[in-house]
Amino acid sequence: MKKRRSGALRGLAQVGTRKKPHGSSFGDVLESLGDRSFGWGLMLVGFMNMLPLPPGTNMVLGFPILFIAFQMTIGRKTLWLPGFITNRFIARERWRAGALSALPIARPLARLTKVRYLRLFQGKAEGPLGALLLVTGIVLCLPIPLTGWLPAISCFVTGLGLIEHDGAIVGLGIVIALGAIAIAVAMAFTIYFGLGYAVQ
């Protein structure tokens, strides 16, 4: 049986072995990733928001999630980015170095995934997923205690599932997103009623 090649590893290979001798623009690489570009964007932004950054940083780093999720909601096939990003030229050596540095993380993640439940990636199924991620991104941007990490983890996990076309992993990301939203709603009600009780 032919062994399945990981979508994440394949994407990194495309980045690290670009045939253009001097390098490629960010837009060229984004186009080569195709529909997996949404997954890569979500993974990257989710990972950034999982880092131990100063309080309030998520209010800024959460906006890219809204940008990506909105495009999924309206049914775009590939991720669109402004020209000042896609036209940026990066030397081949830097692309290769970045791809190689990501391999130690991508390899173990790839072993956990496989192609399954492909209905989540067909037709207009990504629209509702994008809407859920849009709400999750809003939760991430809100200055509510205890609501930062779960949305970031959800985006990272969902992004991995989109890259690997693994519906089970995407489903796990959906469950985490719903949990994050539920906690945010509970915290908002707690703060609201707590303040109301305090002023009485």
N, C-alpha and C. Protein backbone atom coordinates (compact mmCIF):
# COMPACT_ATOMS: atom_id res chain seq x y z
N MET A 1 0.84 -1.20 0.00
CA MET A 1 0.00 0.00 0.00
C MET A 1 0.88 1.25 0.00
N LYS A 2 0.55 2.19 -0.84
CA LYS A 2 1.33 3.42 -0.92
C LYS A 2 1.08 4.29 0.31
N LYS A 3 2.16 4.72 0.93
CA LYS A 3 2.04 5.53 2.14
C LYS A 3 1.58 6.94 1.81
N ARG A 4 0.60 7.41 2.55
CA ARG A 4 0.09 8.77 2.34
C ARG A 4 1.12 9.79 2.75
N ARG A 5 1.28 10.79 1.92
CA ARG A 5 2.21 11.86 2.25
C ARG A 5 1.47 12.99 2.93
N SER A 6 1.97 13.41 4.06
CA SER A 6 1.33 14.44 4.85
C SER A 6 1.18 15.74 4.06
N GLY A 7 0.01 16.37 4.20
CA GLY A 7 -0.19 17.67 3.55
C GLY A 7 0.73 18.72 4.10
N ALA A 8 1.00 18.66 5.41
CA ALA A 8 1.91 19.62 6.02
C ALA A 8 3.33 19.44 5.51
N LEU A 9 3.79 18.19 5.46
CA LEU A 9 5.14 17.94 4.97
C LEU A 9 5.25 18.27 3.49
N ARG A 10 4.19 17.98 2.73
CA ARG A 10 4.21 18.31 1.31
C ARG A 10 4.28 19.82 1.10
N GLY A 11 3.52 20.56 1.92
CA GLY A 11 3.56 22.02 1.81
C GLY A 11 4.93 22.57 2.13
N LEU A 12 5.56 22.02 3.18
CA LEU A 12 6.90 22.47 3.54
C LEU A 12 7.91 22.11 2.44
N ALA A 13 7.72 20.95 1.82
CA ALA A 13 8.60 20.56 0.73
C ALA A 13 8.46 21.51 -0.45
N GLN A 14 7.24 21.93 -0.74
CA GLN A 14 7.02 22.88 -1.83
C GLN A 14 7.71 24.20 -1.55
N VAL A 15 7.67 24.61 -0.27
CA VAL A 15 8.32 25.86 0.10
C VAL A 15 9.83 25.71 0.06
N GLY A 16 10.34 24.59 0.57
CA GLY A 16 11.78 24.42 0.71
C GLY A 16 12.50 24.02 -0.55
N THR A 17 11.78 23.58 -1.58
CA THR A 17 12.44 23.13 -2.81
C THR A 17 11.92 23.89 -4.02
N ARG A 18 11.65 25.17 -3.85
CA ARG A 18 11.19 25.98 -4.97
C ARG A 18 12.21 25.95 -6.09
N LYS A 19 11.75 25.80 -7.35
CA LYS A 19 12.66 25.65 -8.47
C LYS A 19 13.23 26.97 -8.96
N LYS A 20 12.64 28.06 -8.56
CA LYS A 20 13.17 29.35 -8.99
C LYS A 20 14.52 29.57 -8.33
N PRO A 21 15.55 29.88 -9.10
CA PRO A 21 16.91 29.90 -8.57
C PRO A 21 17.16 30.96 -7.51
N HIS A 22 16.51 32.09 -7.60
CA HIS A 22 16.80 33.19 -6.67
C HIS A 22 15.81 33.29 -5.52
N GLY A 23 14.64 32.71 -5.67
CA GLY A 23 13.65 32.80 -4.62
C GLY A 23 12.25 32.93 -5.19
N SER A 24 11.29 33.20 -4.33
CA SER A 24 9.90 33.30 -4.75
C SER A 24 9.20 34.38 -3.94
N SER A 25 8.12 34.89 -4.50
CA SER A 25 7.30 35.82 -3.74
C SER A 25 6.41 35.02 -2.79
N PHE A 26 5.92 35.69 -1.77
CA PHE A 26 5.02 35.05 -0.83
C PHE A 26 3.75 34.61 -1.54
N GLY A 27 3.32 35.38 -2.52
CA GLY A 27 2.12 35.04 -3.27
C GLY A 27 2.28 33.76 -4.07
N ASP A 28 3.48 33.53 -4.65
CA ASP A 28 3.73 32.30 -5.41
C ASP A 28 3.58 31.07 -4.51
N VAL A 29 4.16 31.16 -3.31
CA VAL A 29 4.09 30.04 -2.37
C VAL A 29 2.66 29.83 -1.90
N LEU A 30 1.95 30.92 -1.64
CA LEU A 30 0.56 30.84 -1.19
C LEU A 30 -0.30 30.15 -2.25
N GLU A 31 -0.06 30.48 -3.52
CA GLU A 31 -0.81 29.87 -4.61
C GLU A 31 -0.52 28.38 -4.72
N SER A 32 0.73 27.99 -4.48
CA SER A 32 1.09 26.57 -4.57
C SER A 32 0.44 25.75 -3.47
N LEU A 33 0.11 26.38 -2.34
CA LEU A 33 -0.54 25.67 -1.24
C LEU A 33 -2.02 25.42 -1.50
N GLY A 34 -2.63 26.20 -2.39
CA GLY A 34 -4.02 25.99 -2.77
C GLY A 34 -4.98 26.13 -1.61
N ASP A 35 -5.96 25.18 -1.52
CA ASP A 35 -6.98 25.29 -0.48
C ASP A 35 -6.42 25.07 0.92
N ARG A 36 -5.20 24.52 1.00
CA ARG A 36 -4.58 24.33 2.31
C ARG A 36 -4.02 25.64 2.87
N SER A 37 -4.05 26.70 2.08
CA SER A 37 -3.52 27.98 2.56
C SER A 37 -4.30 28.50 3.77
N PHE A 38 -5.61 28.20 3.84
CA PHE A 38 -6.39 28.60 5.01
C PHE A 38 -5.88 27.88 6.26
N GLY A 39 -5.60 26.59 6.10
CA GLY A 39 -5.09 25.83 7.23
C GLY A 39 -3.75 26.36 7.73
N TRP A 40 -2.87 26.67 6.80
CA TRP A 40 -1.56 27.20 7.20
C TRP A 40 -1.71 28.54 7.91
N GLY A 41 -2.61 29.38 7.40
CA GLY A 41 -2.83 30.68 8.05
C GLY A 41 -3.37 30.52 9.46
N LEU A 42 -4.35 29.62 9.63
CA LEU A 42 -4.93 29.40 10.96
C LEU A 42 -3.90 28.81 11.92
N MET A 43 -3.10 27.86 11.43
CA MET A 43 -2.08 27.25 12.28
C MET A 43 -1.07 28.29 12.76
N LEU A 44 -0.62 29.13 11.84
CA LEU A 44 0.39 30.12 12.17
C LEU A 44 -0.14 31.12 13.19
N VAL A 45 -1.32 31.68 12.92
CA VAL A 45 -1.88 32.68 13.82
C VAL A 45 -2.27 32.05 15.16
N GLY A 46 -2.81 30.83 15.11
CA GLY A 46 -3.14 30.13 16.34
C GLY A 46 -1.91 29.90 17.20
N PHE A 47 -0.82 29.49 16.56
CA PHE A 47 0.43 29.25 17.29
C PHE A 47 0.96 30.54 17.92
N MET A 48 0.89 31.62 17.17
CA MET A 48 1.36 32.91 17.70
C MET A 48 0.57 33.31 18.94
N ASN A 49 -0.73 33.05 18.93
CA ASN A 49 -1.57 33.42 20.07
C ASN A 49 -1.42 32.46 21.24
N MET A 50 -0.80 31.30 21.02
CA MET A 50 -0.54 30.36 22.10
C MET A 50 0.75 30.67 22.85
N LEU A 51 1.57 31.55 22.30
CA LEU A 51 2.83 31.90 22.94
C LEU A 51 2.58 32.75 24.19
N PRO A 52 3.48 32.68 25.17
CA PRO A 52 3.31 33.48 26.40
C PRO A 52 3.67 34.96 26.16
N LEU A 53 2.78 35.66 25.51
CA LEU A 53 3.00 37.06 25.17
C LEU A 53 2.36 37.96 26.22
N PRO A 54 2.72 39.25 26.24
CA PRO A 54 2.16 40.18 27.23
C PRO A 54 0.64 40.24 27.16
N PRO A 55 -0.03 40.50 28.27
CA PRO A 55 -1.49 40.60 28.28
C PRO A 55 -1.99 41.65 27.29
N GLY A 56 -3.06 41.32 26.62
CA GLY A 56 -3.63 42.24 25.64
C GLY A 56 -3.15 42.02 24.23
N THR A 57 -2.06 41.24 24.06
CA THR A 57 -1.53 40.99 22.72
C THR A 57 -2.54 40.28 21.84
N ASN A 58 -3.33 39.40 22.45
CA ASN A 58 -4.32 38.65 21.68
C ASN A 58 -5.36 39.56 21.03
N MET A 59 -5.57 40.76 21.60
CA MET A 59 -6.53 41.69 21.01
C MET A 59 -6.05 42.18 19.65
N VAL A 60 -4.73 42.13 19.42
CA VAL A 60 -4.16 42.52 18.13
C VAL A 60 -3.95 41.31 17.23
N LEU A 61 -3.35 40.23 17.79
CA LEU A 61 -3.05 39.05 17.00
C LEU A 61 -4.30 38.26 16.65
N GLY A 62 -5.43 38.58 17.27
CA GLY A 62 -6.67 37.89 16.93
C GLY A 62 -7.29 38.37 15.63
N PHE A 63 -6.94 39.57 15.19
CA PHE A 63 -7.55 40.12 13.97
C PHE A 63 -7.23 39.30 12.72
N PRO A 64 -6.00 38.75 12.57
CA PRO A 64 -5.77 37.90 11.39
C PRO A 64 -6.71 36.70 11.32
N ILE A 65 -7.12 36.16 12.48
CA ILE A 65 -8.07 35.05 12.48
C ILE A 65 -9.41 35.50 11.90
N LEU A 66 -9.85 36.71 12.27
CA LEU A 66 -11.09 37.25 11.71
C LEU A 66 -10.97 37.40 10.20
N PHE A 67 -9.81 37.84 9.75
CA PHE A 67 -9.55 38.05 8.33
C PHE A 67 -9.62 36.73 7.57
N ILE A 68 -9.00 35.69 8.11
CA ILE A 68 -8.99 34.38 7.46
C ILE A 68 -10.37 33.74 7.50
N ALA A 69 -11.00 33.79 8.68
CA ALA A 69 -12.31 33.15 8.85
C ALA A 69 -13.37 33.79 7.96
N PHE A 70 -13.31 35.10 7.80
CA PHE A 70 -14.29 35.78 6.95
C PHE A 70 -14.18 35.28 5.51
N GLN A 71 -12.98 35.08 5.02
CA GLN A 71 -12.80 34.59 3.66
C GLN A 71 -13.34 33.17 3.50
N MET A 72 -13.18 32.35 4.55
CA MET A 72 -13.77 31.01 4.51
C MET A 72 -15.30 31.09 4.47
N THR A 73 -15.84 32.03 5.23
CA THR A 73 -17.29 32.17 5.32
C THR A 73 -17.91 32.54 3.98
N ILE A 74 -17.24 33.41 3.23
CA ILE A 74 -17.79 33.86 1.95
C ILE A 74 -17.44 32.91 0.80
N GLY A 75 -16.71 31.83 1.11
CA GLY A 75 -16.48 30.78 0.12
C GLY A 75 -15.28 30.93 -0.78
N ARG A 76 -14.28 31.70 -0.39
CA ARG A 76 -13.07 31.79 -1.19
C ARG A 76 -12.36 30.44 -1.21
N LYS A 77 -11.74 30.13 -2.35
CA LYS A 77 -11.05 28.85 -2.50
C LYS A 77 -9.63 28.87 -1.95
N THR A 78 -8.99 30.02 -2.01
CA THR A 78 -7.64 30.16 -1.47
C THR A 78 -7.58 31.45 -0.65
N LEU A 79 -6.63 31.51 0.24
CA LEU A 79 -6.48 32.67 1.10
C LEU A 79 -5.98 33.87 0.31
N TRP A 80 -6.67 35.00 0.45
CA TRP A 80 -6.23 36.25 -0.19
C TRP A 80 -5.53 37.11 0.84
N LEU A 81 -4.38 37.67 0.43
CA LEU A 81 -3.64 38.60 1.26
C LEU A 81 -3.32 39.85 0.46
N PRO A 82 -3.15 41.00 1.11
CA PRO A 82 -2.86 42.24 0.39
C PRO A 82 -1.57 42.14 -0.43
N GLY A 83 -1.50 42.95 -1.46
CA GLY A 83 -0.37 42.92 -2.36
C GLY A 83 0.97 43.20 -1.69
N PHE A 84 0.98 44.06 -0.68
CA PHE A 84 2.27 44.37 -0.05
C PHE A 84 2.84 43.16 0.69
N ILE A 85 2.00 42.14 0.93
CA ILE A 85 2.49 40.88 1.52
C ILE A 85 2.82 39.87 0.43
N THR A 86 1.87 39.67 -0.51
CA THR A 86 2.07 38.65 -1.54
C THR A 86 3.20 39.00 -2.51
N ASN A 87 3.49 40.29 -2.68
CA ASN A 87 4.55 40.70 -3.60
C ASN A 87 5.93 40.68 -2.96
N ARG A 88 5.97 40.39 -1.68
CA ARG A 88 7.26 40.39 -1.00
C ARG A 88 8.10 39.21 -1.47
N PHE A 89 9.31 39.52 -1.93
CA PHE A 89 10.21 38.49 -2.45
C PHE A 89 11.15 38.01 -1.35
N ILE A 90 11.27 36.69 -1.23
CA ILE A 90 12.13 36.11 -0.22
C ILE A 90 13.09 35.14 -0.90
N ALA A 91 14.36 35.24 -0.55
CA ALA A 91 15.39 34.42 -1.18
C ALA A 91 15.15 32.94 -0.93
N ARG A 92 15.60 32.10 -1.85
CA ARG A 92 15.38 30.67 -1.76
C ARG A 92 15.98 30.09 -0.48
N GLU A 93 17.13 30.59 -0.08
CA GLU A 93 17.79 30.06 1.12
C GLU A 93 16.94 30.31 2.36
N ARG A 94 16.26 31.45 2.41
CA ARG A 94 15.42 31.75 3.57
C ARG A 94 14.17 30.88 3.58
N TRP A 95 13.58 30.64 2.40
CA TRP A 95 12.44 29.74 2.32
C TRP A 95 12.85 28.35 2.80
N ARG A 96 14.00 27.88 2.33
CA ARG A 96 14.46 26.54 2.68
C ARG A 96 14.75 26.44 4.19
N ALA A 97 15.39 27.47 4.73
CA ALA A 97 15.71 27.46 6.16
C ALA A 97 14.44 27.44 7.00
N GLY A 98 13.44 28.22 6.59
CA GLY A 98 12.17 28.24 7.32
C GLY A 98 11.46 26.90 7.27
N ALA A 99 11.48 26.26 6.10
CA ALA A 99 10.83 24.96 5.95
C ALA A 99 11.53 23.90 6.80
N LEU A 100 12.85 23.90 6.80
CA LEU A 100 13.60 22.91 7.58
C LEU A 100 13.40 23.11 9.08
N SER A 101 13.30 24.35 9.52
CA SER A 101 13.11 24.62 10.95
C SER A 101 11.73 24.17 11.42
N ALA A 102 10.75 24.12 10.51
CA ALA A 102 9.39 23.71 10.88
C ALA A 102 9.20 22.20 10.85
N LEU A 103 10.11 21.47 10.22
CA LEU A 103 9.95 20.03 10.09
C LEU A 103 9.87 19.29 11.43
N PRO A 104 10.69 19.64 12.44
CA PRO A 104 10.58 18.91 13.71
C PRO A 104 9.21 19.00 14.36
N ILE A 105 8.45 20.06 14.05
CA ILE A 105 7.09 20.19 14.58
C ILE A 105 6.10 19.49 13.66
N ALA A 106 6.32 19.61 12.35
CA ALA A 106 5.36 19.07 11.38
C ALA A 106 5.35 17.54 11.37
N ARG A 107 6.50 16.91 11.54
CA ARG A 107 6.57 15.44 11.44
C ARG A 107 5.71 14.75 12.50
N PRO A 108 5.87 15.08 13.80
CA PRO A 108 5.02 14.39 14.79
C PRO A 108 3.55 14.71 14.64
N LEU A 109 3.22 15.93 14.23
CA LEU A 109 1.82 16.27 14.01
C LEU A 109 1.23 15.47 12.86
N ALA A 110 2.05 15.26 11.82
CA ALA A 110 1.57 14.52 10.65
C ALA A 110 1.25 13.07 11.00
N ARG A 111 1.97 12.49 11.97
CA ARG A 111 1.72 11.10 12.36
C ARG A 111 0.37 10.93 13.05
N LEU A 112 -0.18 12.01 13.57
CA LEU A 112 -1.46 11.94 14.29
C LEU A 112 -2.66 12.06 13.35
N THR A 113 -2.41 12.35 12.10
CA THR A 113 -3.51 12.66 11.19
C THR A 113 -3.59 11.68 10.03
N LYS A 114 -4.75 11.66 9.40
CA LYS A 114 -4.94 10.92 8.16
C LYS A 114 -6.16 11.50 7.45
N VAL A 115 -6.26 11.24 6.17
CA VAL A 115 -7.39 11.75 5.39
C VAL A 115 -8.65 10.98 5.77
N ARG A 116 -9.67 11.69 6.28
CA ARG A 116 -10.92 11.05 6.69
C ARG A 116 -12.03 12.10 6.79
N TYR A 117 -13.27 11.63 6.73
CA TYR A 117 -14.46 12.49 6.83
C TYR A 117 -14.36 13.68 5.87
N LEU A 118 -14.18 13.35 4.60
CA LEU A 118 -13.92 14.39 3.61
C LEU A 118 -15.13 15.27 3.31
N ARG A 119 -16.30 14.91 3.84
CA ARG A 119 -17.48 15.76 3.60
C ARG A 119 -17.29 17.16 4.18
N LEU A 120 -16.44 17.27 5.19
CA LEU A 120 -16.18 18.58 5.79
C LEU A 120 -15.42 19.51 4.85
N PHE A 121 -14.87 18.96 3.78
CA PHE A 121 -14.07 19.76 2.85
C PHE A 121 -14.72 19.87 1.48
N GLN A 122 -15.95 19.41 1.37
CA GLN A 122 -16.64 19.42 0.08
C GLN A 122 -17.79 20.41 0.08
N GLY A 123 -18.10 20.91 -1.11
CA GLY A 123 -19.23 21.83 -1.25
C GLY A 123 -19.04 23.10 -0.45
N LYS A 124 -20.10 23.46 0.28
CA LYS A 124 -20.07 24.70 1.05
C LYS A 124 -19.88 24.45 2.53
N ALA A 125 -19.29 23.30 2.87
CA ALA A 125 -19.15 22.93 4.28
C ALA A 125 -18.21 23.86 5.03
N GLU A 126 -17.24 24.45 4.31
CA GLU A 126 -16.27 25.32 4.99
C GLU A 126 -16.88 26.67 5.36
N GLY A 127 -18.04 27.02 4.79
CA GLY A 127 -18.69 28.28 5.13
C GLY A 127 -19.12 28.33 6.59
N PRO A 128 -19.90 27.35 7.07
CA PRO A 128 -20.25 27.33 8.49
C PRO A 128 -19.04 27.23 9.41
N LEU A 129 -18.02 26.48 8.97
CA LEU A 129 -16.79 26.39 9.77
C LEU A 129 -16.14 27.76 9.88
N GLY A 130 -16.11 28.50 8.78
CA GLY A 130 -15.56 29.85 8.81
C GLY A 130 -16.34 30.76 9.74
N ALA A 131 -17.68 30.61 9.74
CA ALA A 131 -18.51 31.43 10.63
C ALA A 131 -18.21 31.13 12.09
N LEU A 132 -18.03 29.84 12.41
CA LEU A 132 -17.68 29.46 13.78
C LEU A 132 -16.32 30.03 14.18
N LEU A 133 -15.36 29.96 13.26
CA LEU A 133 -14.03 30.51 13.54
C LEU A 133 -14.07 32.03 13.66
N LEU A 134 -15.00 32.65 12.94
CA LEU A 134 -15.15 34.10 13.04
C LEU A 134 -15.58 34.48 14.45
N VAL A 135 -16.56 33.75 14.99
CA VAL A 135 -17.00 33.99 16.37
C VAL A 135 -15.86 33.68 17.35
N THR A 136 -15.12 32.61 17.07
CA THR A 136 -13.98 32.25 17.93
C THR A 136 -12.93 33.34 17.93
N GLY A 137 -12.68 33.93 16.76
CA GLY A 137 -11.73 35.03 16.67
C GLY A 137 -12.19 36.25 17.45
N ILE A 138 -13.48 36.51 17.42
CA ILE A 138 -14.02 37.63 18.20
C ILE A 138 -13.80 37.39 19.68
N VAL A 139 -14.05 36.13 20.13
CA VAL A 139 -13.81 35.78 21.53
C VAL A 139 -12.36 36.01 21.90
N LEU A 140 -11.45 35.64 20.98
CA LEU A 140 -10.02 35.82 21.24
C LEU A 140 -9.65 37.28 21.42
N CYS A 141 -10.32 38.15 20.66
CA CYS A 141 -9.99 39.58 20.71
C CYS A 141 -10.60 40.28 21.94
N LEU A 142 -11.58 39.68 22.56
CA LEU A 142 -12.25 40.33 23.69
C LEU A 142 -11.38 40.28 24.95
N PRO A 143 -11.36 41.35 25.72
CA PRO A 143 -10.57 41.37 26.96
C PRO A 143 -11.29 40.69 28.12
N ILE A 144 -11.63 39.41 27.93
CA ILE A 144 -12.33 38.65 28.96
C ILE A 144 -11.35 37.65 29.57
N PRO A 145 -11.24 37.58 30.86
CA PRO A 145 -10.31 36.64 31.50
C PRO A 145 -10.58 35.19 31.12
N LEU A 146 -9.52 34.41 31.01
CA LEU A 146 -9.58 32.96 30.79
C LEU A 146 -10.13 32.57 29.42
N THR A 147 -10.12 33.50 28.46
CA THR A 147 -10.67 33.18 27.14
C THR A 147 -9.64 33.32 26.02
N GLY A 148 -8.37 33.36 26.34
CA GLY A 148 -7.35 33.58 25.33
C GLY A 148 -6.82 32.32 24.68
N TRP A 149 -6.43 31.35 25.48
CA TRP A 149 -5.75 30.18 24.94
C TRP A 149 -6.65 29.23 24.16
N LEU A 150 -7.86 28.97 24.66
CA LEU A 150 -8.72 28.00 23.99
C LEU A 150 -9.04 28.39 22.54
N PRO A 151 -9.39 29.65 22.24
CA PRO A 151 -9.61 30.01 20.83
C PRO A 151 -8.36 29.82 19.99
N ALA A 152 -7.19 30.14 20.55
CA ALA A 152 -5.94 29.96 19.81
C ALA A 152 -5.68 28.49 19.53
N ILE A 153 -5.89 27.64 20.53
CA ILE A 153 -5.71 26.20 20.35
C ILE A 153 -6.69 25.68 19.31
N SER A 154 -7.93 26.17 19.36
CA SER A 154 -8.94 25.76 18.39
C SER A 154 -8.50 26.07 16.96
N CYS A 155 -7.99 27.28 16.75
CA CYS A 155 -7.54 27.68 15.41
C CYS A 155 -6.36 26.83 14.95
N PHE A 156 -5.44 26.54 15.86
CA PHE A 156 -4.28 25.73 15.52
C PHE A 156 -4.72 24.32 15.13
N VAL A 157 -5.58 23.70 15.93
CA VAL A 157 -6.04 22.34 15.66
C VAL A 157 -6.86 22.29 14.37
N THR A 158 -7.77 23.24 14.20
CA THR A 158 -8.58 23.28 12.98
C THR A 158 -7.70 23.48 11.75
N GLY A 159 -6.70 24.36 11.87
CA GLY A 159 -5.78 24.58 10.76
C GLY A 159 -5.04 23.31 10.38
N LEU A 160 -4.60 22.56 11.37
CA LEU A 160 -3.93 21.29 11.10
C LEU A 160 -4.86 20.34 10.36
N GLY A 161 -6.11 20.26 10.80
CA GLY A 161 -7.07 19.39 10.13
C GLY A 161 -7.33 19.80 8.69
N LEU A 162 -7.38 21.11 8.44
CA LEU A 162 -7.59 21.60 7.07
C LEU A 162 -6.40 21.27 6.18
N ILE A 163 -5.20 21.39 6.72
CA ILE A 163 -3.99 21.08 5.93
C ILE A 163 -3.97 19.60 5.56
N GLU A 164 -4.28 18.75 6.53
CA GLU A 164 -4.19 17.31 6.32
C GLU A 164 -5.47 16.69 5.77
N HIS A 165 -6.52 17.53 5.60
CA HIS A 165 -7.84 17.02 5.18
C HIS A 165 -8.31 15.90 6.12
N ASP A 166 -8.13 16.16 7.40
CA ASP A 166 -8.53 15.21 8.44
C ASP A 166 -9.77 15.78 9.15
N GLY A 167 -10.94 15.23 8.80
CA GLY A 167 -12.18 15.72 9.37
C GLY A 167 -12.29 15.52 10.87
N ALA A 168 -11.65 14.47 11.39
CA ALA A 168 -11.69 14.22 12.83
C ALA A 168 -10.95 15.31 13.59
N ILE A 169 -9.80 15.72 13.07
CA ILE A 169 -9.03 16.79 13.72
C ILE A 169 -9.79 18.11 13.63
N VAL A 170 -10.42 18.37 12.48
CA VAL A 170 -11.25 19.57 12.35
C VAL A 170 -12.39 19.52 13.36
N GLY A 171 -12.99 18.34 13.52
CA GLY A 171 -14.07 18.18 14.50
C GLY A 171 -13.60 18.49 15.91
N LEU A 172 -12.37 18.05 16.24
CA LEU A 172 -11.81 18.36 17.55
C LEU A 172 -11.65 19.87 17.71
N GLY A 173 -11.19 20.53 16.65
CA GLY A 173 -11.06 21.99 16.70
C GLY A 173 -12.40 22.67 16.90
N ILE A 174 -13.46 22.11 16.29
CA ILE A 174 -14.81 22.67 16.45
C ILE A 174 -15.26 22.54 17.90
N VAL A 175 -15.02 21.37 18.50
CA VAL A 175 -15.41 21.16 19.90
C VAL A 175 -14.69 22.15 20.82
N ILE A 176 -13.40 22.35 20.57
CA ILE A 176 -12.63 23.30 21.39
C ILE A 176 -13.16 24.72 21.20
N ALA A 177 -13.51 25.06 19.95
CA ALA A 177 -14.06 26.39 19.67
C ALA A 177 -15.38 26.60 20.40
N LEU A 178 -16.25 25.60 20.37
CA LEU A 178 -17.53 25.72 21.07
C LEU A 178 -17.31 25.85 22.57
N GLY A 179 -16.33 25.12 23.11
CA GLY A 179 -16.01 25.25 24.53
C GLY A 179 -15.50 26.64 24.86
N ALA A 180 -14.66 27.19 23.98
CA ALA A 180 -14.13 28.54 24.20
C ALA A 180 -15.26 29.57 24.19
N ILE A 181 -16.19 29.43 23.26
CA ILE A 181 -17.31 30.36 23.18
C ILE A 181 -18.19 30.24 24.42
N ALA A 182 -18.44 29.00 24.87
CA ALA A 182 -19.26 28.79 26.06
C ALA A 182 -18.62 29.41 27.29
N ILE A 183 -17.31 29.25 27.44
CA ILE A 183 -16.61 29.84 28.58
C ILE A 183 -16.66 31.35 28.52
N ALA A 184 -16.50 31.92 27.31
CA ALA A 184 -16.55 33.37 27.16
C ALA A 184 -17.92 33.92 27.55
N VAL A 185 -18.98 33.23 27.12
CA VAL A 185 -20.34 33.66 27.46
C VAL A 185 -20.54 33.58 28.97
N ALA A 186 -20.09 32.48 29.58
CA ALA A 186 -20.24 32.30 31.02
C ALA A 186 -19.48 33.38 31.79
N MET A 187 -18.25 33.69 31.33
CA MET A 187 -17.45 34.72 32.00
C MET A 187 -18.10 36.09 31.84
N ALA A 188 -18.65 36.36 30.66
CA ALA A 188 -19.30 37.66 30.43
C ALA A 188 -20.51 37.83 31.35
N PHE A 189 -21.33 36.77 31.49
CA PHE A 189 -22.48 36.84 32.38
C PHE A 189 -22.03 36.98 33.84
N THR A 190 -20.96 36.28 34.20
CA THR A 190 -20.44 36.37 35.57
C THR A 190 -20.00 37.79 35.90
N ILE A 191 -19.27 38.39 34.96
CA ILE A 191 -18.80 39.76 35.17
C ILE A 191 -19.97 40.73 35.22
N TYR A 192 -20.94 40.54 34.32
CA TYR A 192 -22.11 41.44 34.26
C TYR A 192 -22.91 41.40 35.57
N PHE A 193 -23.25 40.18 35.99
CA PHE A 193 -24.05 40.06 37.20
C PHE A 193 -23.23 40.38 38.45
N GLY A 194 -21.92 40.14 38.39
CA GLY A 194 -21.06 40.49 39.51
C GLY A 194 -20.98 42.00 39.72
N LEU A 195 -20.85 42.73 38.60
CA LEU A 195 -20.82 44.18 38.69
C LEU A 195 -22.16 44.72 39.14
N GLY A 196 -23.25 44.09 38.64
CA GLY A 196 -24.58 44.53 39.06
C GLY A 196 -24.80 44.33 40.54
N TYR A 197 -24.31 43.23 41.07
CA TYR A 197 -24.44 42.96 42.49
C TYR A 197 -23.58 43.90 43.32
N ALA A 198 -22.39 44.27 42.77
CA ALA A 198 -21.46 45.12 43.50
C ALA A 198 -21.99 46.55 43.67
N VAL A 199 -22.73 47.03 42.66
CA VAL A 199 -23.20 48.42 42.72
C VAL A 199 -24.49 48.56 43.53
N GLN A 200 -25.06 47.42 43.91
CA GLN A 200 -26.30 47.52 44.69
C GLN A 200 -26.01 47.92 46.13
